[in-house]
Amino acid sequence: MRNRFLVCYDVSDPKRLARTYKKMNGFGEPAQYSVFICDLSPKERVLLEEALTEILNLKEDRALIVDMGPSEGRGGESYAVLGNARELPRRTAVIV
């Protein structure tokens, strides 16, 4: 089962900021600058935390990971966007 996560980060160094943004694109969709919506399995969440820990300077930077619940349930409807909202893609099964 996948849960929807809100991931926000504050990175003080421009190079680490760029690396963090690039890495986050592999896990989810940007909602705003330094804010991503990610649908993750438990294993993917661990991988995300490991990836961020490798990039961030934990004495200067920070990341906030909020579990909003199941992607197909409450997590998909637990937030609202005011203003010029970007349409976030709905995750669906892909048959290859």
PDB file of N, CA and C in Angstrom:
ATOM      1  N   MET A   1       0.846  -1.174   0.000  1.00  0.00           N
ATOM      2  CA  MET A   1       0.000   0.000   0.000  1.00  0.00           C
ATOM      3  C   MET A   1       0.897   1.245   0.000  1.00  0.00           C
ATOM      4  N   ARG A   2       0.475   2.236  -0.746  1.00  0.00           N
ATOM      5  CA  ARG A   2       1.219   3.485  -0.851  1.00  0.00           C
ATOM      6  C   ARG A   2       0.513   4.566  -0.038  1.00  0.00           C
ATOM      7  N   ASN A   3       1.312   5.376   0.615  1.00  0.00           N
ATOM      8  CA  ASN A   3       0.783   6.529   1.326  1.00  0.00           C
ATOM      9  C   ASN A   3       1.249   7.796   0.629  1.00  0.00           C
ATOM     10  N   ARG A   4       0.463   8.842   0.791  1.00  0.00           N
ATOM     11  CA  ARG A   4       0.821  10.148   0.230  1.00  0.00           C
ATOM     12  C   ARG A   4       1.573  10.933   1.303  1.00  0.00           C
ATOM     13  N   PHE A   5       2.705  11.503   0.899  1.00  0.00           N
ATOM     14  CA  PHE A   5       3.543  12.280   1.804  1.00  0.00           C
ATOM     15  C   PHE A   5       3.721  13.683   1.261  1.00  0.00           C
ATOM     16  N   LEU A   6       3.718  14.635   2.164  1.00  0.00           N
ATOM     17  CA  LEU A   6       4.084  16.006   1.865  1.00  0.00           C
ATOM     18  C   LEU A   6       5.525  16.150   2.347  1.00  0.00           C
ATOM     19  N   VAL A   7       6.426  16.494   1.434  1.00  0.00           N
ATOM     20  CA  VAL A   7       7.839  16.638   1.778  1.00  0.00           C
ATOM     21  C   VAL A   7       8.248  18.081   1.509  1.00  0.00           C
ATOM     22  N   CYS A   8       8.727  18.753   2.545  1.00  0.00           N
ATOM     23  CA  CYS A   8       9.182  20.145   2.449  1.00  0.00           C
ATOM     24  C   CYS A   8      10.628  20.180   2.921  1.00  0.00           C
ATOM     25  N   TYR A   9      11.425  21.009   2.292  1.00  0.00           N
ATOM     26  CA  TYR A   9      12.817  21.103   2.721  1.00  0.00           C
ATOM     27  C   TYR A   9      13.310  22.538   2.646  1.00  0.00           C
ATOM     28  N   ASP A  10      14.281  22.820   3.503  1.00  0.00           N
ATOM     29  CA  ASP A  10      14.931  24.123   3.581  1.00  0.00           C
ATOM     30  C   ASP A  10      16.428  23.841   3.548  1.00  0.00           C
ATOM     31  N   VAL A  11      17.071  24.172   2.431  1.00  0.00           N
ATOM     32  CA  VAL A  11      18.482  23.859   2.215  1.00  0.00           C
ATOM     33  C   VAL A  11      19.237  25.164   2.007  1.00  0.00           C
ATOM     34  N   SER A  12      20.299  25.373   2.784  1.00  0.00           N
ATOM     35  CA  SER A  12      20.991  26.664   2.776  1.00  0.00           C
ATOM     36  C   SER A  12      22.010  26.822   1.648  1.00  0.00           C
ATOM     37  N   ASP A  13      22.544  25.746   1.127  1.00  0.00           N
ATOM     38  CA  ASP A  13      23.571  25.813   0.085  1.00  0.00           C
ATOM     39  C   ASP A  13      22.945  25.593  -1.295  1.00  0.00           C
ATOM     40  N   PRO A  14      23.202  26.476  -2.269  1.00  0.00           N
ATOM     41  CA  PRO A  14      22.589  26.343  -3.599  1.00  0.00           C
ATOM     42  C   PRO A  14      22.894  25.013  -4.303  1.00  0.00           C
ATOM     43  N   LYS A  15      24.095  24.475  -4.128  1.00  0.00           N
ATOM     44  CA  LYS A  15      24.424  23.193  -4.768  1.00  0.00           C
ATOM     45  C   LYS A  15      23.635  22.050  -4.140  1.00  0.00           C
ATOM     46  N   ARG A  16      23.544  22.044  -2.816  1.00  0.00           N
ATOM     47  CA  ARG A  16      22.749  21.009  -2.147  1.00  0.00           C
ATOM     48  C   ARG A  16      21.275  21.170  -2.467  1.00  0.00           C
ATOM     49  N   LEU A  17      20.823  22.410  -2.589  1.00  0.00           N
ATOM     50  CA  LEU A  17      19.427  22.670  -2.947  1.00  0.00           C
ATOM     51  C   LEU A  17      19.111  22.076  -4.314  1.00  0.00           C
ATOM     52  N   ALA A  18      19.992  22.296  -5.287  1.00  0.00           N
ATOM     53  CA  ALA A  18      19.782  21.747  -6.635  1.00  0.00           C
ATOM     54  C   ALA A  18      19.804  20.221  -6.614  1.00  0.00           C
ATOM     55  N   ARG A  19      20.721  19.642  -5.855  1.00  0.00           N
ATOM     56  CA  ARG A  19      20.792  18.176  -5.756  1.00  0.00           C
ATOM     57  C   ARG A  19      19.539  17.614  -5.082  1.00  0.00           C
ATOM     58  N   THR A  20      19.056  18.312  -4.067  1.00  0.00           N
ATOM     59  CA  THR A  20      17.852  17.870  -3.361  1.00  0.00           C
ATOM     60  C   THR A  20      16.647  17.906  -4.291  1.00  0.00           C
ATOM     61  N   TYR A  21      16.501  18.995  -5.033  1.00  0.00           N
ATOM     62  CA  TYR A  21      15.379  19.124  -5.971  1.00  0.00           C
ATOM     63  C   TYR A  21      15.427  18.009  -7.018  1.00  0.00           C
ATOM     64  N   LYS A  22      16.606  17.765  -7.567  1.00  0.00           N
ATOM     65  CA  LYS A  22      16.758  16.712  -8.588  1.00  0.00           C
ATOM     66  C   LYS A  22      16.403  15.339  -8.006  1.00  0.00           C
ATOM     67  N   LYS A  23      16.875  15.064  -6.808  1.00  0.00           N
ATOM     68  CA  LYS A  23      16.583  13.776  -6.167  1.00  0.00           C
ATOM     69  C   LYS A  23      15.092  13.640  -5.872  1.00  0.00           C
ATOM     70  N   MET A  24      14.458  14.715  -5.392  1.00  0.00           N
ATOM     71  CA  MET A  24      13.036  14.672  -5.067  1.00  0.00           C
ATOM     72  C   MET A  24      12.181  14.416  -6.300  1.00  0.00           C
ATOM     73  N   ASN A  25      12.611  14.890  -7.462  1.00  0.00           N
ATOM     74  CA  ASN A  25      11.862  14.628  -8.694  1.00  0.00           C
ATOM     75  C   ASN A  25      11.748  13.141  -8.981  1.00  0.00           C
ATOM     76  N   GLY A  26      12.668  12.340  -8.463  1.00  0.00           N
ATOM     77  CA  GLY A  26      12.592  10.896  -8.629  1.00  0.00           C
ATOM     78  C   GLY A  26      11.589  10.234  -7.702  1.00  0.00           C
ATOM     79  N   PHE A  27      11.110  10.968  -6.710  1.00  0.00           N
ATOM     80  CA  PHE A  27      10.187  10.400  -5.726  1.00  0.00           C
ATOM     81  C   PHE A  27       8.772  10.940  -5.820  1.00  0.00           C
ATOM     82  N   GLY A  28       8.598  12.127  -6.386  1.00  0.00           N
ATOM     83  CA  GLY A  28       7.263  12.711  -6.410  1.00  0.00           C
ATOM     84  C   GLY A  28       7.160  13.887  -7.349  1.00  0.00           C
ATOM     85  N   GLU A  29       6.103  14.658  -7.158  1.00  0.00           N
ATOM     86  CA  GLU A  29       5.795  15.800  -8.020  1.00  0.00           C
ATOM     87  C   GLU A  29       5.930  17.092  -7.224  1.00  0.00           C
ATOM     88  N   PRO A  30       6.591  18.100  -7.818  1.00  0.00           N
ATOM     89  CA  PRO A  30       6.690  19.374  -7.102  1.00  0.00           C
ATOM     90  C   PRO A  30       5.326  20.054  -7.002  1.00  0.00           C
ATOM     91  N   ALA A  31       5.003  20.528  -5.816  1.00  0.00           N
ATOM     92  CA  ALA A  31       3.761  21.272  -5.600  1.00  0.00           C
ATOM     93  C   ALA A  31       4.058  22.767  -5.544  1.00  0.00           C
ATOM     94  N   GLN A  32       5.210  23.114  -4.992  1.00  0.00           N
ATOM     95  CA  GLN A  32       5.713  24.482  -4.902  1.00  0.00           C
ATOM     96  C   GLN A  32       7.231  24.372  -4.818  1.00  0.00           C
ATOM     97  N   TYR A  33       7.913  25.531  -4.747  1.00  0.00           N
ATOM     98  CA  TYR A  33       9.352  25.481  -4.515  1.00  0.00           C
ATOM     99  C   TYR A  33       9.610  24.750  -3.208  1.00  0.00           C
ATOM    100  N   SER A  34      10.463  23.761  -3.241  1.00  0.00           N
ATOM    101  CA  SER A  34      10.883  23.002  -2.059  1.00  0.00           C
ATOM    102  C   SER A  34       9.747  22.254  -1.368  1.00  0.00           C
ATOM    103  N   VAL A  35       8.666  21.980  -2.086  1.00  0.00           N
ATOM    104  CA  VAL A  35       7.545  21.203  -1.541  1.00  0.00           C
ATOM    105  C   VAL A  35       7.135  20.168  -2.583  1.00  0.00           C
ATOM    106  N   PHE A  36       7.113  18.906  -2.175  1.00  0.00           N
ATOM    107  CA  PHE A  36       6.746  17.820  -3.079  1.00  0.00           C
ATOM    108  C   PHE A  36       5.617  16.994  -2.480  1.00  0.00           C
ATOM    109  N   ILE A  37       4.804  16.424  -3.360  1.00  0.00           N
ATOM    110  CA  ILE A  37       3.801  15.430  -2.997  1.00  0.00           C
ATOM    111  C   ILE A  37       4.319  14.102  -3.540  1.00  0.00           C
ATOM    112  N   CYS A  38       4.449  13.112  -2.658  1.00  0.00           N
ATOM    113  CA  CYS A  38       5.029  11.825  -3.038  1.00  0.00           C
ATOM    114  C   CYS A  38       4.107  10.689  -2.608  1.00  0.00           C
ATOM    115  N   ASP A  39       3.819   9.775  -3.501  1.00  0.00           N
ATOM    116  CA  ASP A  39       3.099   8.550  -3.175  1.00  0.00           C
ATOM    117  C   ASP A  39       4.148   7.454  -3.038  1.00  0.00           C
ATOM    118  N   LEU A  40       4.346   6.961  -1.820  1.00  0.00           N
ATOM    119  CA  LEU A  40       5.461   6.064  -1.536  1.00  0.00           C
ATOM    120  C   LEU A  40       5.016   4.802  -0.813  1.00  0.00           C
ATOM    121  N   SER A  41       5.682   3.702  -1.147  1.00  0.00           N
ATOM    122  CA  SER A  41       5.551   2.477  -0.365  1.00  0.00           C
ATOM    123  C   SER A  41       6.432   2.641   0.879  1.00  0.00           C
ATOM    124  N   PRO A  42       6.281   1.771   1.870  1.00  0.00           N
ATOM    125  CA  PRO A  42       7.157   1.873   3.045  1.00  0.00           C
ATOM    126  C   PRO A  42       8.646   1.803   2.676  1.00  0.00           C
ATOM    127  N   LYS A  43       8.999   0.945   1.737  1.00  0.00           N
ATOM    128  CA  LYS A  43      10.398   0.825   1.310  1.00  0.00           C
ATOM    129  C   LYS A  43      10.865   2.110   0.626  1.00  0.00           C
ATOM    130  N   GLU A  44      10.013   2.695  -0.210  1.00  0.00           N
ATOM    131  CA  GLU A  44      10.380   3.940  -0.895  1.00  0.00           C
ATOM    132  C   GLU A  44      10.564   5.088   0.093  1.00  0.00           C
ATOM    133  N   ARG A  45       9.778   5.090   1.161  1.00  0.00           N
ATOM    134  CA  ARG A  45       9.949   6.138   2.176  1.00  0.00           C
ATOM    135  C   ARG A  45      11.330   6.029   2.817  1.00  0.00           C
ATOM    136  N   VAL A  46      11.751   4.820   3.126  1.00  0.00           N
ATOM    137  CA  VAL A  46      13.085   4.614   3.695  1.00  0.00           C
ATOM    138  C   VAL A  46      14.149   5.080   2.704  1.00  0.00           C
ATOM    139  N   LEU A  47      13.981   4.737   1.425  1.00  0.00           N
ATOM    140  CA  LEU A  47      14.938   5.169   0.402  1.00  0.00           C
ATOM    141  C   LEU A  47      14.981   6.689   0.290  1.00  0.00           C
ATOM    142  N   LEU A  48      13.821   7.336   0.378  1.00  0.00           N
ATOM    143  CA  LEU A  48      13.766   8.796   0.341  1.00  0.00           C
ATOM    144  C   LEU A  48      14.539   9.391   1.515  1.00  0.00           C
ATOM    145  N   GLU A  49      14.294   8.885   2.715  1.00  0.00           N
ATOM    146  CA  GLU A  49      14.981   9.406   3.896  1.00  0.00           C
ATOM    147  C   GLU A  49      16.490   9.197   3.789  1.00  0.00           C
ATOM    148  N   GLU A  50      16.915   8.035   3.281  1.00  0.00           N
ATOM    149  CA  GLU A  50      18.345   7.777   3.098  1.00  0.00           C
ATOM    150  C   GLU A  50      18.947   8.737   2.081  1.00  0.00           C
ATOM    151  N   ALA A  51      18.240   8.966   0.974  1.00  0.00           N
ATOM    152  CA  ALA A  51      18.741   9.864  -0.069  1.00  0.00           C
ATOM    153  C   ALA A  51      18.881  11.289   0.453  1.00  0.00           C
ATOM    154  N   LEU A  52      17.882  11.762   1.184  1.00  0.00           N
ATOM    155  CA  LEU A  52      17.954  13.119   1.730  1.00  0.00           C
ATOM    156  C   LEU A  52      19.056  13.244   2.776  1.00  0.00           C
ATOM    157  N   THR A  53      19.229  12.214   3.598  1.00  0.00           N
ATOM    158  CA  THR A  53      20.277  12.235   4.615  1.00  0.00           C
ATOM    159  C   THR A  53      21.661  12.333   3.979  1.00  0.00           C
ATOM    160  N   GLU A  54      21.839  11.690   2.828  1.00  0.00           N
ATOM    161  CA  GLU A  54      23.128  11.748   2.124  1.00  0.00           C
ATOM    162  C   GLU A  54      23.405  13.136   1.551  1.00  0.00           C
ATOM    163  N   ILE A  55      22.368  13.856   1.151  1.00  0.00           N
ATOM    164  CA  ILE A  55      22.543  15.160   0.501  1.00  0.00           C
ATOM    165  C   ILE A  55      22.596  16.301   1.510  1.00  0.00           C
ATOM    166  N   LEU A  56      21.699  16.291   2.471  1.00  0.00           N
ATOM    167  CA  LEU A  56      21.552  17.418   3.392  1.00  0.00           C
ATOM    168  C   LEU A  56      22.699  17.497   4.392  1.00  0.00           C
ATOM    169  N   ASN A  57      23.041  18.710   4.766  1.00  0.00           N
ATOM    170  CA  ASN A  57      23.915  18.946   5.908  1.00  0.00           C
ATOM    171  C   ASN A  57      22.970  19.099   7.097  1.00  0.00           C
ATOM    172  N   LEU A  58      22.889  18.091   7.928  1.00  0.00           N
ATOM    173  CA  LEU A  58      21.876  18.062   8.983  1.00  0.00           C
ATOM    174  C   LEU A  58      22.102  19.101  10.083  1.00  0.00           C
ATOM    175  N   LYS A  59      23.244  19.790  10.052  1.00  0.00           N
ATOM    176  CA  LYS A  59      23.482  20.889  10.997  1.00  0.00           C
ATOM    177  C   LYS A  59      22.961  22.215  10.452  1.00  0.00           C
ATOM    178  N   GLU A  60      22.754  22.291   9.128  1.00  0.00           N
ATOM    179  CA  GLU A  60      22.314  23.539   8.498  1.00  0.00           C
ATOM    180  C   GLU A  60      20.955  23.433   7.806  1.00  0.00           C
ATOM    181  N   ASP A  61      20.629  22.261   7.289  1.00  0.00           N
ATOM    182  CA  ASP A  61      19.433  22.063   6.469  1.00  0.00           C
ATOM    183  C   ASP A  61      18.400  21.255   7.243  1.00  0.00           C
ATOM    184  N   ARG A  62      17.202  21.196   6.685  1.00  0.00           N
ATOM    185  CA  ARG A  62      16.163  20.369   7.303  1.00  0.00           C
ATOM    186  C   ARG A  62      15.155  19.927   6.243  1.00  0.00           C
ATOM    187  N   ALA A  63      14.505  18.804   6.536  1.00  0.00           N
ATOM    188  CA  ALA A  63      13.415  18.309   5.696  1.00  0.00           C
ATOM    189  C   ALA A  63      12.286  17.870   6.618  1.00  0.00           C
ATOM    190  N   LEU A  64      11.074  18.109   6.167  1.00  0.00           N
ATOM    191  CA  LEU A  64       9.881  17.710   6.908  1.00  0.00           C
ATOM    192  C   LEU A  64       9.115  16.727   6.032  1.00  0.00           C
ATOM    193  N   ILE A  65       8.820  15.552   6.570  1.00  0.00           N
ATOM    194  CA  ILE A  65       8.084  14.523   5.838  1.00  0.00           C
ATOM    195  C   ILE A  65       6.797  14.245   6.609  1.00  0.00           C
ATOM    196  N   VAL A  66       5.659  14.556   5.989  1.00  0.00           N
ATOM    197  CA  VAL A  66       4.356  14.413   6.645  1.00  0.00           C
ATOM    198  C   VAL A  66       3.564  13.317   5.941  1.00  0.00           C
ATOM    199  N   ASP A  67       3.178  12.282   6.682  1.00  0.00           N
ATOM    200  CA  ASP A  67       2.358  11.194   6.149  1.00  0.00           C
ATOM    201  C   ASP A  67       0.902  11.650   6.169  1.00  0.00           C
ATOM    202  N   MET A  68       0.293  11.785   4.976  1.00  0.00           N
ATOM    203  CA  MET A  68      -1.090  12.259   4.876  1.00  0.00           C
ATOM    204  C   MET A  68      -2.087  11.117   4.751  1.00  0.00           C
ATOM    205  N   GLY A  69      -1.609   9.872   4.767  1.00  0.00           N
ATOM    206  CA  GLY A  69      -2.514   8.733   4.708  1.00  0.00           C
ATOM    207  C   GLY A  69      -2.463   8.021   3.373  1.00  0.00           C
ATOM    208  N   PRO A  70      -3.302   6.996   3.201  1.00  0.00           N
ATOM    209  CA  PRO A  70      -3.307   6.208   1.970  1.00  0.00           C
ATOM    210  C   PRO A  70      -3.554   7.076   0.732  1.00  0.00           C
ATOM    211  N   SER A  71      -2.770   6.815  -0.313  1.00  0.00           N
ATOM    212  CA  SER A  71      -2.878   7.592  -1.556  1.00  0.00           C
ATOM    213  C   SER A  71      -4.271   7.529  -2.154  1.00  0.00           C
ATOM    214  N   GLU A  72      -4.903   6.379  -2.054  1.00  0.00           N
ATOM    215  CA  GLU A  72      -6.225   6.194  -2.655  1.00  0.00           C
ATOM    216  C   GLU A  72      -7.354   6.519  -1.685  1.00  0.00           C
ATOM    217  N   GLY A  73      -7.021   7.037  -0.528  1.00  0.00           N
ATOM    218  CA  GLY A  73      -8.052   7.378   0.449  1.00  0.00           C
ATOM    219  C   GLY A  73      -7.897   8.804   0.918  1.00  0.00           C
ATOM    220  N   ARG A  74      -7.809   8.948   2.224  1.00  0.00           N
ATOM    221  CA  ARG A  74      -7.710  10.265   2.847  1.00  0.00           C
ATOM    222  C   ARG A  74      -6.499  11.054   2.358  1.00  0.00           C
ATOM    223  N   GLY A  75      -5.381  10.385   2.081  1.00  0.00           N
ATOM    224  CA  GLY A  75      -4.165  11.070   1.652  1.00  0.00           C
ATOM    225  C   GLY A  75      -4.325  11.839   0.363  1.00  0.00           C
ATOM    226  N   GLY A  76      -5.154  11.325  -0.522  1.00  0.00           N
ATOM    227  CA  GLY A  76      -5.374  12.000  -1.795  1.00  0.00           C
ATOM    228  C   GLY A  76      -6.265  13.220  -1.700  1.00  0.00           C
ATOM    229  N   GLU A  77      -6.953  13.369  -0.567  1.00  0.00           N
ATOM    230  CA  GLU A  77      -7.903  14.474  -0.408  1.00  0.00           C
ATOM    231  C   GLU A  77      -7.646  15.291   0.853  1.00  0.00           C
ATOM    232  N   SER A  78      -6.486  15.138   1.460  1.00  0.00           N
ATOM    233  CA  SER A  78      -6.240  15.770   2.756  1.00  0.00           C
ATOM    234  C   SER A  78      -5.565  17.136   2.669  1.00  0.00           C
ATOM    235  N   TYR A  79      -5.574  17.733   1.493  1.00  0.00           N
ATOM    236  CA  TYR A  79      -4.977  19.056   1.360  1.00  0.00           C
ATOM    237  C   TYR A  79      -5.776  19.882   0.364  1.00  0.00           C
ATOM    238  N   ALA A  80      -5.618  21.181   0.460  1.00  0.00           N
ATOM    239  CA  ALA A  80      -6.280  22.101  -0.465  1.00  0.00           C
ATOM    240  C   ALA A  80      -5.244  23.097  -0.960  1.00  0.00           C
ATOM    241  N   VAL A  81      -5.396  23.542  -2.185  1.00  0.00           N
ATOM    242  CA  VAL A  81      -4.498  24.533  -2.772  1.00  0.00           C
ATOM    243  C   VAL A  81      -5.319  25.770  -3.092  1.00  0.00           C
ATOM    244  N   LEU A  82      -4.853  26.908  -2.636  1.00  0.00           N
ATOM    245  CA  LEU A  82      -5.501  28.180  -2.938  1.00  0.00           C
ATOM    246  C   LEU A  82      -4.648  28.917  -3.960  1.00  0.00           C
ATOM    247  N   GLY A  83      -5.270  29.558  -4.905  1.00  0.00           N
ATOM    248  CA  GLY A  83      -4.515  30.306  -5.919  1.00  0.00           C
ATOM    249  C   GLY A  83      -4.242  29.466  -7.148  1.00  0.00           C
ATOM    250  N   ASN A  84      -3.183  29.792  -7.853  1.00  0.00           N
ATOM    251  CA  ASN A  84      -2.823  29.148  -9.112  1.00  0.00           C
ATOM    252  C   ASN A  84      -2.276  27.751  -8.843  1.00  0.00           C
ATOM    253  N   ALA A  85      -3.153  26.778  -8.777  1.00  0.00           N
ATOM    254  CA  ALA A  85      -2.775  25.416  -8.421  1.00  0.00           C
ATOM    255  C   ALA A  85      -2.319  24.627  -9.635  1.00  0.00           C
ATOM    256  N   ARG A  86      -1.251  23.880  -9.445  1.00  0.00           N
ATOM    257  CA  ARG A  86      -0.783  22.935 -10.443  1.00  0.00           C
ATOM    258  C   ARG A  86      -1.551  21.642 -10.280  1.00  0.00           C
ATOM    259  N   GLU A  87      -2.029  21.097 -11.355  1.00  0.00           N
ATOM    260  CA  GLU A  87      -2.737  19.813 -11.286  1.00  0.00           C
ATOM    261  C   GLU A  87      -1.716  18.710 -11.043  1.00  0.00           C
ATOM    262  N   LEU A  88      -1.862  18.002  -9.928  1.00  0.00           N
ATOM    263  CA  LEU A  88      -0.965  16.901  -9.632  1.00  0.00           C
ATOM    264  C   LEU A  88      -1.491  15.645 -10.300  1.00  0.00           C
ATOM    265  N   PRO A  89      -0.602  14.859 -10.893  1.00  0.00           N
ATOM    266  CA  PRO A  89      -1.060  13.646 -11.564  1.00  0.00           C
ATOM    267  C   PRO A  89      -1.590  12.633 -10.564  1.00  0.00           C
ATOM    268  N   ARG A  90      -2.587  11.909 -10.969  1.00  0.00           N
ATOM    269  CA  ARG A  90      -3.124  10.823 -10.159  1.00  0.00           C
ATOM    270  C   ARG A  90      -2.317   9.577 -10.474  1.00  0.00           C
ATOM    271  N   ARG A  91      -1.834   8.914  -9.442  1.00  0.00           N
ATOM    272  CA  ARG A  91      -1.067   7.688  -9.638  1.00  0.00           C
ATOM    273  C   ARG A  91      -2.029   6.564 -10.006  1.00  0.00           C
ATOM    274  N   THR A  92      -1.716   5.874 -11.069  1.00  0.00           N
ATOM    275  CA  THR A  92      -2.506   4.722 -11.475  1.00  0.00           C
ATOM    276  C   THR A  92      -1.560   3.591 -11.825  1.00  0.00           C
ATOM    277  N   ALA A  93      -2.072   2.400 -11.886  1.00  0.00           N
ATOM    278  CA  ALA A  93      -1.255   1.253 -12.256  1.00  0.00           C
ATOM    279  C   ALA A  93      -0.851   1.354 -13.719  1.00  0.00           C
ATOM    280  N   VAL A  94       0.380   0.959 -13.987  1.00  0.00           N
ATOM    281  CA  VAL A  94       0.888   0.955 -15.355  1.00  0.00           C
ATOM    282  C   VAL A  94       1.208  -0.481 -15.721  1.00  0.00           C
ATOM    283  N   ILE A  95       0.633  -0.960 -16.798  1.00  0.00           N
ATOM    284  CA  ILE A  95       0.889  -2.319 -17.264  1.00  0.00           C
ATOM    285  C   ILE A  95       1.906  -2.241 -18.385  1.00  0.00           C
ATOM    286  N   VAL A  96       3.019  -2.951 -18.196  1.00  0.00           N
ATOM    287  CA  VAL A  96       4.102  -2.904 -19.187  1.00  0.00           C
ATOM    288  C   VAL A  96       4.136  -4.201 -19.958  1.00  0.00           C
TER     289      VAL A  96
END
